């Protein structure tokens, strides 16, 4: 029996659930860890000299470099945000409240201006058109635009401007509108676009 740990014993130590060091494991078995064998080759002697000549300050593992850079950048970011907070002009609370109230009034006015024409057209629509289900707000906008431009070609780009959406999203509302209409009055135009035939 040898006095050094074998590879098999080292494997058992690695697979064990105990959290002990290899030295403790070897001591428990009454053995010693075998140290690395040293060769007197030319490569080893050159490498040892080059490692010993390097100062500890110049050599840093990558992980330490990354950590030190991260800490430096974090500290720099703190300084920048502190300077921005100091430079930022103080706004009075009354001014911010007034600005919010003005914005809310503008939004309400826009919503009311959109709602008023819809109510008038809903009365017209109910008398002429019938739906299987109620329309959503955006579907109602699309239908109102079709109604305003009946018997003329309406393109998806025009509807996208009205809905303030990308053109790709408009087709969903057209499809839903077709499915909710009782009559088949919304048709594809020959050169692209859509046509509400009344």
Protein backbone atom coordinates (compact mmCIF):
# COMPACT_ATOMS: atom_id res chain seq x y z
CA UNK A 1 0.00 0.00 0.00
CA UNK A 2 1.43 3.36 -1.02
CA UNK A 3 1.69 6.38 1.19
CA UNK A 4 0.28 8.70 -1.52
CA UNK A 5 -3.37 9.14 -2.53
CA UNK A 6 -4.28 7.18 -5.65
CA UNK A 7 -6.41 8.53 -8.49
CA UNK A 8 -9.27 6.33 -7.39
CA UNK A 9 -9.22 7.78 -3.88
CA UNK A 10 -9.16 11.30 -5.28
CA UNK A 11 -12.23 10.46 -7.40
CA UNK A 12 -14.03 9.18 -4.29
CA UNK A 13 -13.18 12.46 -2.51
CA UNK A 14 -14.59 14.49 -5.41
CA UNK A 15 -17.82 12.47 -5.53
CA UNK A 16 -18.36 12.50 -1.77
CA UNK A 17 -20.93 14.86 -0.30
CA UNK A 18 -18.68 15.90 2.58
CA UNK A 19 -17.17 19.32 2.32
CA UNK A 20 -13.58 18.72 3.35
CA UNK A 21 -10.32 19.60 1.69
CA UNK A 22 -8.19 17.07 -0.09
CA UNK A 23 -5.53 17.41 2.62
CA UNK A 24 -8.07 16.55 5.34
CA UNK A 25 -9.29 13.58 3.31
CA UNK A 26 -5.71 12.34 2.87
CA UNK A 27 -4.99 12.76 6.57
CA UNK A 28 -8.13 10.77 7.43
CA UNK A 29 -6.84 7.90 5.26
CA UNK A 30 -3.32 8.27 6.71
CA UNK A 31 -1.83 9.23 3.37
CA UNK A 32 -0.10 12.21 1.81
CA UNK A 33 -0.90 14.13 -1.37
CA UNK A 34 1.70 13.49 -4.00
CA UNK A 35 3.41 16.68 -5.07
CA UNK A 36 4.01 17.48 -8.70
CA UNK A 37 7.08 15.95 -10.25
CA UNK A 38 9.69 18.41 -11.31
CA UNK A 39 11.57 17.98 -14.53
CA UNK A 40 14.87 19.58 -15.11
CA UNK A 41 13.98 20.35 -18.71
CA UNK A 42 14.95 23.56 -20.40
CA UNK A 43 11.32 24.68 -20.86
CA UNK A 44 10.54 24.37 -17.16
CA UNK A 45 13.58 26.33 -16.11
CA UNK A 46 12.83 29.15 -18.59
CA UNK A 47 9.17 29.33 -17.47
CA UNK A 48 10.16 29.46 -13.79
CA UNK A 49 12.59 32.29 -14.44
CA UNK A 50 10.05 34.28 -16.45
CA UNK A 51 7.38 33.83 -13.76
CA UNK A 52 9.73 34.81 -10.98
CA UNK A 53 10.91 37.90 -12.90
CA UNK A 54 7.32 39.14 -13.34
CA UNK A 55 6.19 41.38 -10.55
CA UNK A 56 2.93 40.61 -8.81
CA UNK A 57 1.55 44.05 -9.67
CA UNK A 58 1.88 43.66 -13.44
CA UNK A 59 0.20 40.28 -13.69
CA UNK A 60 -3.52 40.20 -12.94
CA UNK A 61 -5.89 37.40 -13.86
CA UNK A 62 -8.73 38.37 -16.19
CA UNK A 63 -11.35 38.05 -13.49
CA UNK A 64 -9.57 40.51 -11.25
CA UNK A 65 -9.18 42.96 -14.13
CA UNK A 66 -12.88 42.75 -14.95
CA UNK A 67 -13.88 43.22 -11.32
CA UNK A 68 -11.62 46.21 -10.89
CA UNK A 69 -12.96 47.77 -14.10
CA UNK A 70 -16.53 47.17 -12.97
CA UNK A 71 -15.87 48.80 -9.62
CA UNK A 72 -14.21 51.79 -11.25
CA UNK A 73 -17.08 52.27 -13.70
CA UNK A 74 -19.65 51.92 -10.91
CA UNK A 75 -17.88 54.59 -8.86
CA UNK A 76 -17.64 56.87 -11.91
CA UNK A 77 -21.37 56.40 -12.56
CA UNK A 78 -22.12 57.40 -8.96
CA UNK A 79 -20.08 60.57 -9.40
CA UNK A 80 -21.85 61.46 -12.65
CA UNK A 81 -25.33 60.94 -11.22
CA UNK A 82 -24.42 62.98 -8.15
CA UNK A 83 -23.27 65.85 -10.38
CA UNK A 84 -26.46 65.61 -12.48
CA UNK A 85 -28.63 65.79 -9.36
CA UNK A 86 -26.81 68.90 -8.19
CA UNK A 87 -26.94 70.62 -11.61
CA UNK A 88 -30.64 69.82 -12.22
CA UNK A 89 -32.67 72.98 -11.60
CA UNK A 90 -35.23 72.81 -8.86
CA UNK A 91 -38.80 72.97 -10.19
CA UNK A 92 -41.47 74.30 -7.95
CA UNK A 93 -44.21 71.90 -6.98
CA UNK A 94 -46.92 74.35 -8.05
CA UNK A 95 -45.50 74.52 -11.59
CA UNK A 96 -45.38 70.74 -11.94
CA UNK A 97 -48.97 70.40 -10.71
CA UNK A 98 -50.13 73.09 -13.16
CA UNK A 99 -48.28 71.39 -16.02
CA UNK A 100 -49.91 68.05 -15.18
CA UNK A 101 -53.35 69.65 -15.02
CA UNK A 102 -52.84 71.32 -18.40
CA UNK A 103 -51.73 68.04 -19.97
CA UNK A 104 -54.72 66.21 -18.50
CA UNK A 105 -57.09 68.85 -19.92
CA UNK A 106 -55.49 68.54 -23.36
CA UNK A 107 -55.86 64.75 -23.27
CA UNK A 108 -59.52 65.02 -22.22
CA UNK A 109 -60.21 67.53 -25.01
CA UNK A 110 -58.64 65.20 -27.58
CA UNK A 111 -60.66 62.25 -26.31
CA UNK A 112 -63.88 64.26 -26.32
CA UNK A 113 -63.24 65.49 -29.87
CA UNK A 114 -62.81 61.88 -30.98
CA UNK A 115 -65.90 60.71 -29.08
CA UNK A 116 -68.35 63.37 -30.38
CA UNK A 117 -68.08 62.43 -34.09
CA UNK A 118 -68.30 58.77 -33.16
CA UNK A 119 -71.62 59.24 -31.37
CA UNK A 120 -73.17 60.94 -34.39
CA UNK A 121 -71.93 58.26 -36.73
CA UNK A 122 -73.04 55.50 -34.36
CA UNK A 123 -76.63 56.71 -34.74
CA UNK A 124 -76.26 56.63 -38.54
CA UNK A 125 -74.51 53.27 -38.40
CA UNK A 126 -77.20 51.66 -36.25
CA UNK A 127 -79.87 52.60 -38.72
CA UNK A 128 -77.94 51.31 -41.77
CA UNK A 129 -75.52 48.65 -40.49
CA UNK A 130 -75.83 45.85 -37.99
CA UNK A 131 -73.09 44.03 -36.16
CA UNK A 132 -72.79 40.57 -34.64
CA UNK A 133 -70.76 41.94 -31.71
CA UNK A 134 -69.97 45.40 -30.39
CA UNK A 135 -66.95 47.11 -31.86
CA UNK A 136 -63.87 48.08 -29.90
CA UNK A 137 -62.74 51.70 -29.91
CA UNK A 138 -60.13 51.15 -32.61
CA UNK A 139 -62.45 49.04 -34.74
CA UNK A 140 -64.98 51.86 -34.44
CA UNK A 141 -62.36 54.36 -35.68
CA UNK A 142 -61.60 52.11 -38.66
CA UNK A 143 -65.29 51.67 -39.47
CA UNK A 144 -65.92 55.41 -39.15
CA UNK A 145 -63.12 56.08 -41.62
CA UNK A 146 -64.58 53.53 -44.03
CA UNK A 147 -68.01 55.09 -43.59
CA UNK A 148 -66.66 58.59 -44.26
CA UNK A 149 -64.96 57.27 -47.42
CA UNK A 150 -67.64 54.83 -48.61
CA UNK A 151 -67.34 53.63 -52.21
CA UNK A 152 -63.72 54.91 -52.33
CA UNK A 153 -60.52 52.95 -51.83
CA UNK A 154 -59.01 53.20 -48.35
CA UNK A 155 -55.41 52.08 -47.91
CA UNK A 156 -53.83 50.48 -44.84
CA UNK A 157 -51.33 53.32 -44.52
CA UNK A 158 -54.21 55.80 -44.07
CA UNK A 159 -55.73 53.63 -41.36
CA UNK A 160 -52.31 53.30 -39.70
CA UNK A 161 -52.10 57.08 -39.44
CA UNK A 162 -55.54 57.29 -37.88
CA UNK A 163 -54.82 54.53 -35.35
CA UNK A 164 -51.25 55.76 -34.79
CA UNK A 165 -49.95 52.20 -35.24
CA UNK A 166 -47.55 50.50 -37.65
CA UNK A 167 -49.22 49.32 -40.87
CA UNK A 168 -48.87 45.64 -39.95
CA UNK A 169 -51.26 46.02 -37.02
CA UNK A 170 -54.08 47.55 -39.09
CA UNK A 171 -54.97 44.31 -40.85
CA UNK A 172 -56.08 42.75 -37.57
CA UNK A 173 -58.72 45.45 -37.11
CA UNK A 174 -59.95 45.07 -40.67
CA UNK A 175 -60.28 41.31 -40.20
CA UNK A 176 -62.17 41.76 -36.93
CA UNK A 177 -64.43 44.37 -38.51
CA UNK A 178 -65.30 41.99 -41.35
CA UNK A 179 -66.13 39.22 -38.92
CA UNK A 180 -68.38 41.50 -36.84
CA UNK A 181 -70.34 42.94 -39.77
CA UNK A 182 -73.58 41.10 -40.58
CA UNK A 183 -73.44 42.03 -44.26
CA UNK A 184 -70.55 41.44 -46.64
CA UNK A 185 -69.91 45.08 -47.53
CA UNK A 186 -66.17 45.44 -46.89
CA UNK A 187 -64.24 44.25 -49.97
CA UNK A 188 -60.65 44.19 -51.17
CA UNK A 189 -59.98 46.73 -53.94
CA UNK A 190 -58.36 45.63 -57.20
CA UNK A 191 -55.19 47.70 -56.84
CA UNK A 192 -54.83 47.19 -53.09
CA UNK A 193 -56.68 48.80 -50.26
CA UNK A 194 -60.23 48.23 -49.08
CA UNK A 195 -63.64 49.40 -50.24
CA UNK A 196 -66.87 49.83 -48.25
CA UNK A 197 -69.68 49.21 -50.73
CA UNK A 198 -73.00 50.58 -49.57
